[in-house]
Amino acid sequence: MAHAKKVTLYILVVFVLYSIINSPERSGELVKVGFEGISSAAQGVGDFMTELIK
């Protein structure tokens, strides 16, 4: 089972590197969208906690 996880991780890393090398502009856009999503989620949690305190 541990061997399968290691192989899967290597395949994932190779795929990510291939994607970055093959189309860096698209990869950059995806990272930007991901960080915007994380930022929005953090903002939502902050707003929720602020409302709980009021």
C-alpha atoms as a PDB file:
ATOM      1  CA  MET A   1       0.000   0.000   0.000  1.00  0.00           C
ATOM      2  CA  ALA A   2       2.810   2.431   0.857  1.00  0.00           C
ATOM      3  CA  HIS A   3       4.489   1.613  -2.443  1.00  0.00           C
ATOM      4  CA  ALA A   4       1.307   2.511  -4.347  1.00  0.00           C
ATOM      5  CA  LYS A   5       1.119   5.879  -2.562  1.00  0.00           C
ATOM      6  CA  LYS A   6       4.734   6.620  -3.462  1.00  0.00           C
ATOM      7  CA  VAL A   7       4.181   5.743  -7.127  1.00  0.00           C
ATOM      8  CA  THR A   8       1.009   7.853  -7.229  1.00  0.00           C
ATOM      9  CA  LEU A   9       2.871  10.804  -5.700  1.00  0.00           C
ATOM     10  CA  TYR A  10       5.666  10.517  -8.271  1.00  0.00           C
ATOM     11  CA  ILE A  11       3.148  10.377 -11.124  1.00  0.00           C
ATOM     12  CA  LEU A  12       1.370  13.445  -9.753  1.00  0.00           C
ATOM     13  CA  VAL A  13       4.642  15.392  -9.440  1.00  0.00           C
ATOM     14  CA  VAL A  14       5.653  14.462 -12.999  1.00  0.00           C
ATOM     15  CA  PHE A  15       2.232  15.524 -14.291  1.00  0.00           C
ATOM     16  CA  VAL A  16       2.418  18.885 -12.497  1.00  0.00           C
ATOM     17  CA  LEU A  17       5.929  19.553 -13.796  1.00  0.00           C
ATOM     18  CA  TYR A  18       4.887  18.586 -17.326  1.00  0.00           C
ATOM     19  CA  SER A  19       1.888  20.919 -17.118  1.00  0.00           C
ATOM     20  CA  ILE A  20       4.027  23.813 -15.895  1.00  0.00           C
ATOM     21  CA  ILE A  21       6.641  23.294 -18.598  1.00  0.00           C
ATOM     22  CA  ASN A  22       4.094  22.691 -21.354  1.00  0.00           C
ATOM     23  CA  SER A  23       1.891  25.737 -20.650  1.00  0.00           C
ATOM     24  CA  PRO A  24       3.273  28.057 -17.985  1.00  0.00           C
ATOM     25  CA  GLU A  25       0.712  30.796 -18.669  1.00  0.00           C
ATOM     26  CA  ARG A  26      -2.219  28.446 -18.003  1.00  0.00           C
ATOM     27  CA  SER A  27      -0.503  27.087 -14.891  1.00  0.00           C
ATOM     28  CA  GLY A  28      -0.025  30.622 -13.596  1.00  0.00           C
ATOM     29  CA  GLU A  29      -3.700  31.383 -14.155  1.00  0.00           C
ATOM     30  CA  LEU A  30      -4.731  28.255 -12.250  1.00  0.00           C
ATOM     31  CA  VAL A  31      -2.491  29.144  -9.311  1.00  0.00           C
ATOM     32  CA  LYS A  32      -3.920  32.667  -9.274  1.00  0.00           C
ATOM     33  CA  VAL A  33      -7.494  31.327  -9.265  1.00  0.00           C
ATOM     34  CA  GLY A  34      -6.584  28.913  -6.456  1.00  0.00           C
ATOM     35  CA  PHE A  35      -5.135  31.667  -4.281  1.00  0.00           C
ATOM     36  CA  GLU A  36      -8.140  33.892  -4.950  1.00  0.00           C
ATOM     37  CA  GLY A  37     -10.400  31.053  -3.814  1.00  0.00           C
ATOM     38  CA  ILE A  38      -8.392  30.543  -0.637  1.00  0.00           C
ATOM     39  CA  SER A  39      -8.443  34.281   0.014  1.00  0.00           C
ATOM     40  CA  SER A  40     -12.206  34.439  -0.440  1.00  0.00           C
ATOM     41  CA  ALA A  41     -12.707  31.493   1.898  1.00  0.00           C
ATOM     42  CA  ALA A  42     -10.523  33.098   4.565  1.00  0.00           C
ATOM     43  CA  GLN A  43     -12.422  36.371   4.185  1.00  0.00           C
ATOM     44  CA  GLY A  44     -15.711  34.502   4.609  1.00  0.00           C
ATOM     45  CA  VAL A  45     -14.482  32.788   7.777  1.00  0.00           C
ATOM     46  CA  GLY A  46     -13.296  36.128   9.122  1.00  0.00           C
ATOM     47  CA  ASP A  47     -16.653  37.745   8.409  1.00  0.00           C
ATOM     48  CA  PHE A  48     -18.448  34.835  10.076  1.00  0.00           C
ATOM     49  CA  MET A  49     -16.309  35.056  13.206  1.00  0.00           C
ATOM     50  CA  THR A  50     -16.824  38.831  13.340  1.00  0.00           C
ATOM     51  CA  GLU A  51     -20.581  38.368  13.211  1.00  0.00           C
ATOM     52  CA  LEU A  52     -20.426  35.764  15.979  1.00  0.00           C
ATOM     53  CA  ILE A  53     -18.618  38.207  18.269  1.00  0.00           C
ATOM     54  CA  LYS A  54     -21.156  41.009  17.711  1.00  0.00           C
END
